[in-house]
């Protein structure tokens, strides 16, 4: 059965929820929108059983083969910290490998994160971060970035992604085209990253070039790059960055996913309604809105209204929805991850704690050798 325009629009959105259970209002707008999936945060997660129940009910109201997303990088971005146990940051794991020459830690981290998110019912983690750990962004990115060089980032991310793939969890490289040169937090402002295209191509974009066939998804950020042909336009709504650079020059064929459209980095630049239409027109496959029901419904209505106004935009929406439906069916053909028994859950926690100990020993051993 062919998808109608209303269904197609909804299936291009990934949305957030308010709490640990669906409210009546959420059930109502989920039935209306039928999004491509949901993303949960620490506010939504108490334990594995509750999280799986929330995901099951929410995705029963979404498009088939729904995304069940979580930001699980380790370190400061660790949504399972309270419900499972803390995971080391990408930077800590990569540094432990570099200092000791001990390989396999990044892959092991990817495997453990995959096992953790599956235990809670997720099928997608929005990781790894591919932004370079440059001095300009140190105060903003903290320990989220694994390496300051493209080579170091590729080494870490390739192994991390292999760990996710081994357990059939979808990963997402972020934040294209790179926040390493940014001094502002795009959650609050629109960073203007003053790196030219030659420098970006050689450094920030190298991980995307090298890993293009290993990245199921790429997340596009809200920064502007005024010293490039993208000028002062946020990358998330820029055909230059999405179509010209990512699709054509890099040759990326996976799913292109927006950073949260509630962030100040985009909303300080243009109204939400303009932003979501511009993002989809520029080539965005999925638009993420992480919290506000009001903004989710405004985005839905804006895309629908533009589709009803413009035959060309309607065709674009319908074609992209069909593409995404095929991709979701392929990515999530294995169905919902099974629940762990209490013994299996405890064993997973012990494996993560053991991994943390391994990383800490590697770090302390390397420090002892330099003193």
Foldseek 3Di string as FASTA:
>chain_A
DADALQLLLLQQEEEAEDAQAHDPVLLVVLLRSQYQYYEYALRRDDELVSLQVRRVVSNVSHDPLHAYEYADAFDPRHRCCNHANGFHHLQLQLVLCVLQVDPDLLLVSLQLVLVVCLQSFGQEHADDELAAQAPLCCVPCPRSQRHNWNVSSLRNRVSSLNSNVVNLHAYEYDDPPHCNQFNDHQLAAATARADAPVVSVRTSNSSCLVCLVSHQEYEYELHAHCNYPSHRGGLLLALCRQPVPNCPVSVRDHAYEYDALNGNSNCVVDPLLVSLLSNLVSPHLHYYHHYDPVSVVSNSVSLSVVVVVDVVSVVSSSVSSVVVVVSSCVSQVVDTRDHDDPVVSVVSSVSSVVSVVVSVVSVVVSVVVVD
